[in-house]
Amino acid sequence: MKVMNITNIEAFFKVIDLCQGKVELVTNEGDRLNLKSKLSQYVALANVFSDGKIDELELIAYEQEDVNRLINFMYNGL
């Protein structure tokens, strides 16, 4: 799934932390980084945005409940 225009980075990470299953960030090179890892969050996203906003990310969530949680965040910011 692609997520776009994330302006509240802190809330985004809180949603990731609430996910029960694995959530991966797919890099432009096709690598997958586990976003449940704080180190991966900092390393991966330090390269993705520099202006306090994430324009676009490709994520893979393995649990339907987590997919729904991420979709809800994108639509409602919750």
N, C-alpha and C. Protein backbone atom coordinates (compact mmCIF):
# COMPACT_ATOMS: atom_id res chain seq x y z
N MET A 1 0.84 -1.16 0.00
CA MET A 1 0.00 0.00 0.00
C MET A 1 0.89 1.22 0.00
N LYS A 2 0.45 2.25 -0.67
CA LYS A 2 1.17 3.52 -0.68
C LYS A 2 0.47 4.46 0.29
N VAL A 3 1.27 5.12 1.10
CA VAL A 3 0.75 6.16 1.98
C VAL A 3 1.39 7.47 1.54
N MET A 4 0.61 8.54 1.59
CA MET A 4 1.07 9.80 1.03
C MET A 4 0.77 10.97 1.96
N ASN A 5 1.59 12.00 1.82
CA ASN A 5 1.39 13.28 2.49
C ASN A 5 1.23 13.15 4.00
N ILE A 6 2.16 12.48 4.63
CA ILE A 6 2.13 12.34 6.08
C ILE A 6 2.82 13.57 6.67
N THR A 7 2.05 14.36 7.38
CA THR A 7 2.61 15.57 7.99
C THR A 7 2.81 15.41 9.49
N ASN A 8 2.10 14.48 10.11
CA ASN A 8 2.25 14.23 11.54
C ASN A 8 3.04 12.94 11.71
N ILE A 9 4.36 13.08 11.68
CA ILE A 9 5.25 11.93 11.72
C ILE A 9 5.10 11.17 13.04
N GLU A 10 4.97 11.90 14.13
CA GLU A 10 4.83 11.27 15.45
C GLU A 10 3.59 10.39 15.51
N ALA A 11 2.46 10.90 15.02
CA ALA A 11 1.22 10.12 15.01
C ALA A 11 1.36 8.89 14.10
N PHE A 12 2.06 9.05 12.99
CA PHE A 12 2.27 7.93 12.07
C PHE A 12 3.02 6.81 12.77
N PHE A 13 4.09 7.16 13.51
CA PHE A 13 4.85 6.13 14.22
C PHE A 13 4.04 5.50 15.34
N LYS A 14 3.17 6.26 15.97
CA LYS A 14 2.30 5.69 17.00
C LYS A 14 1.38 4.64 16.41
N VAL A 15 0.86 4.92 15.20
CA VAL A 15 0.00 3.94 14.52
C VAL A 15 0.81 2.69 14.18
N ILE A 16 2.02 2.88 13.69
CA ILE A 16 2.89 1.73 13.39
C ILE A 16 3.12 0.90 14.65
N ASP A 17 3.38 1.58 15.78
CA ASP A 17 3.63 0.87 17.03
C ASP A 17 2.41 0.08 17.49
N LEU A 18 1.20 0.54 17.15
CA LEU A 18 -0.02 -0.15 17.54
C LEU A 18 -0.30 -1.39 16.69
N CYS A 19 0.34 -1.48 15.55
CA CYS A 19 0.11 -2.63 14.66
C CYS A 19 0.58 -3.91 15.34
N GLN A 20 -0.20 -4.96 15.15
CA GLN A 20 0.09 -6.25 15.78
C GLN A 20 1.10 -7.07 14.99
N GLY A 21 1.04 -6.98 13.68
CA GLY A 21 1.93 -7.76 12.83
C GLY A 21 3.09 -6.94 12.32
N LYS A 22 3.83 -7.53 11.41
CA LYS A 22 4.98 -6.87 10.81
C LYS A 22 4.51 -5.82 9.82
N VAL A 23 5.15 -4.65 9.86
CA VAL A 23 4.91 -3.58 8.89
C VAL A 23 6.26 -3.23 8.29
N GLU A 24 6.35 -3.32 6.99
CA GLU A 24 7.62 -3.09 6.32
C GLU A 24 7.54 -1.89 5.39
N LEU A 25 8.66 -1.15 5.34
CA LEU A 25 8.84 -0.08 4.38
C LEU A 25 9.59 -0.66 3.20
N VAL A 26 9.08 -0.45 1.99
CA VAL A 26 9.75 -0.92 0.78
C VAL A 26 10.54 0.26 0.22
N THR A 27 11.86 0.09 0.13
CA THR A 27 12.72 1.16 -0.39
C THR A 27 12.63 1.21 -1.91
N ASN A 28 13.19 2.27 -2.48
CA ASN A 28 13.22 2.39 -3.95
C ASN A 28 14.00 1.25 -4.60
N GLU A 29 14.93 0.66 -3.85
CA GLU A 29 15.73 -0.45 -4.37
C GLU A 29 15.04 -1.79 -4.19
N GLY A 30 13.87 -1.79 -3.53
CA GLY A 30 13.12 -3.02 -3.32
C GLY A 30 13.42 -3.71 -2.00
N ASP A 31 14.31 -3.12 -1.19
CA ASP A 31 14.59 -3.69 0.13
C ASP A 31 13.40 -3.45 1.04
N ARG A 32 13.24 -4.32 2.03
CA ARG A 32 12.16 -4.19 2.99
C ARG A 32 12.75 -3.97 4.38
N LEU A 33 12.31 -2.90 5.03
CA LEU A 33 12.79 -2.58 6.37
C LEU A 33 11.63 -2.69 7.35
N ASN A 34 11.88 -3.35 8.46
CA ASN A 34 10.86 -3.56 9.48
C ASN A 34 10.62 -2.24 10.22
N LEU A 35 9.46 -1.64 10.04
CA LEU A 35 9.15 -0.36 10.68
C LEU A 35 8.77 -0.51 12.15
N LYS A 36 8.62 -1.72 12.63
CA LYS A 36 8.37 -1.92 14.05
C LYS A 36 9.66 -1.69 14.85
N SER A 37 10.79 -1.72 14.19
CA SER A 37 12.08 -1.46 14.81
C SER A 37 12.32 0.05 14.85
N LYS A 38 12.60 0.58 16.04
CA LYS A 38 12.86 2.01 16.17
C LYS A 38 14.09 2.41 15.37
N LEU A 39 15.10 1.59 15.37
CA LEU A 39 16.31 1.90 14.61
C LEU A 39 15.99 2.00 13.13
N SER A 40 15.20 1.07 12.61
CA SER A 40 14.81 1.12 11.20
C SER A 40 13.99 2.36 10.90
N GLN A 41 13.12 2.75 11.84
CA GLN A 41 12.32 3.95 11.64
C GLN A 41 13.22 5.16 11.44
N TYR A 42 14.19 5.32 12.31
CA TYR A 42 15.06 6.49 12.22
C TYR A 42 15.97 6.45 11.01
N VAL A 43 16.56 5.31 10.76
CA VAL A 43 17.49 5.19 9.63
C VAL A 43 16.75 5.35 8.31
N ALA A 44 15.65 4.63 8.14
CA ALA A 44 14.93 4.64 6.87
C ALA A 44 14.31 6.00 6.59
N LEU A 45 13.68 6.58 7.57
CA LEU A 45 12.93 7.81 7.32
C LEU A 45 13.80 9.05 7.34
N ALA A 46 14.99 8.97 7.88
CA ALA A 46 15.90 10.11 7.82
C ALA A 46 16.24 10.42 6.36
N ASN A 47 16.24 9.40 5.52
CA ASN A 47 16.54 9.59 4.11
C ASN A 47 15.31 9.93 3.27
N VAL A 48 14.12 9.70 3.81
CA VAL A 48 12.90 9.88 3.03
C VAL A 48 12.42 11.32 3.05
N PHE A 49 12.55 11.99 4.19
CA PHE A 49 12.03 13.34 4.26
C PHE A 49 13.02 14.27 4.94
N SER A 50 13.00 15.51 4.55
CA SER A 50 13.87 16.50 5.17
C SER A 50 13.10 17.75 5.56
N ASP A 51 11.86 17.86 5.14
CA ASP A 51 11.10 19.07 5.42
C ASP A 51 9.97 18.82 6.43
N GLY A 52 10.05 17.73 7.21
CA GLY A 52 9.05 17.44 8.22
C GLY A 52 7.79 16.81 7.66
N LYS A 53 7.86 16.34 6.43
CA LYS A 53 6.70 15.74 5.76
C LYS A 53 7.17 14.56 4.93
N ILE A 54 6.35 13.52 4.90
CA ILE A 54 6.64 12.37 4.05
C ILE A 54 5.69 12.43 2.87
N ASP A 55 6.25 12.58 1.68
CA ASP A 55 5.41 12.68 0.49
C ASP A 55 4.78 11.34 0.11
N GLU A 56 5.59 10.28 0.12
CA GLU A 56 5.06 8.97 -0.29
C GLU A 56 5.94 7.86 0.26
N LEU A 57 5.29 6.82 0.77
CA LEU A 57 5.97 5.61 1.22
C LEU A 57 5.21 4.40 0.71
N GLU A 58 5.92 3.34 0.43
CA GLU A 58 5.26 2.08 0.15
C GLU A 58 5.44 1.18 1.35
N LEU A 59 4.33 0.72 1.91
CA LEU A 59 4.34 -0.13 3.09
C LEU A 59 3.70 -1.47 2.77
N ILE A 60 4.14 -2.48 3.51
CA ILE A 60 3.49 -3.78 3.47
C ILE A 60 3.09 -4.12 4.90
N ALA A 61 1.82 -4.31 5.12
CA ALA A 61 1.30 -4.75 6.41
C ALA A 61 0.71 -6.14 6.20
N TYR A 62 1.05 -7.05 7.08
CA TYR A 62 0.68 -8.45 6.88
C TYR A 62 -0.64 -8.85 7.52
N GLU A 63 -1.13 -8.05 8.44
CA GLU A 63 -2.39 -8.33 9.13
C GLU A 63 -3.47 -7.38 8.64
N GLN A 64 -4.64 -7.91 8.33
CA GLN A 64 -5.73 -7.07 7.82
C GLN A 64 -6.09 -5.96 8.81
N GLU A 65 -6.06 -6.26 10.09
CA GLU A 65 -6.35 -5.25 11.11
C GLU A 65 -5.35 -4.08 11.03
N ASP A 66 -4.11 -4.41 10.74
CA ASP A 66 -3.08 -3.37 10.61
C ASP A 66 -3.30 -2.54 9.35
N VAL A 67 -3.69 -3.21 8.27
CA VAL A 67 -4.01 -2.48 7.03
C VAL A 67 -5.15 -1.50 7.30
N ASN A 68 -6.19 -1.97 7.98
CA ASN A 68 -7.32 -1.10 8.31
C ASN A 68 -6.89 0.07 9.19
N ARG A 69 -6.01 -0.20 10.14
CA ARG A 69 -5.51 0.85 11.04
C ARG A 69 -4.76 1.93 10.24
N LEU A 70 -3.93 1.49 9.30
CA LEU A 70 -3.16 2.43 8.48
C LEU A 70 -4.07 3.23 7.55
N ILE A 71 -5.05 2.58 6.97
CA ILE A 71 -6.01 3.27 6.11
C ILE A 71 -6.78 4.30 6.92
N ASN A 72 -7.21 3.93 8.11
CA ASN A 72 -7.92 4.86 8.98
C ASN A 72 -7.05 6.08 9.29
N PHE A 73 -5.77 5.85 9.56
CA PHE A 73 -4.85 6.96 9.81
C PHE A 73 -4.77 7.88 8.59
N MET A 74 -4.67 7.29 7.41
CA MET A 74 -4.53 8.12 6.21
C MET A 74 -5.78 8.95 5.95
N TYR A 75 -6.95 8.40 6.22
CA TYR A 75 -8.19 9.13 5.96
C TYR A 75 -8.56 10.09 7.09
N ASN A 76 -8.33 9.66 8.33
CA ASN A 76 -8.83 10.43 9.47
C ASN A 76 -7.74 11.00 10.37
N GLY A 77 -6.51 10.59 10.15
CA GLY A 77 -5.44 11.05 11.03
C GLY A 77 -5.51 10.41 12.40
N LEU A 78 -6.21 9.27 12.50
CA LEU A 78 -6.37 8.59 13.80
C LEU A 78 -5.67 7.26 13.81
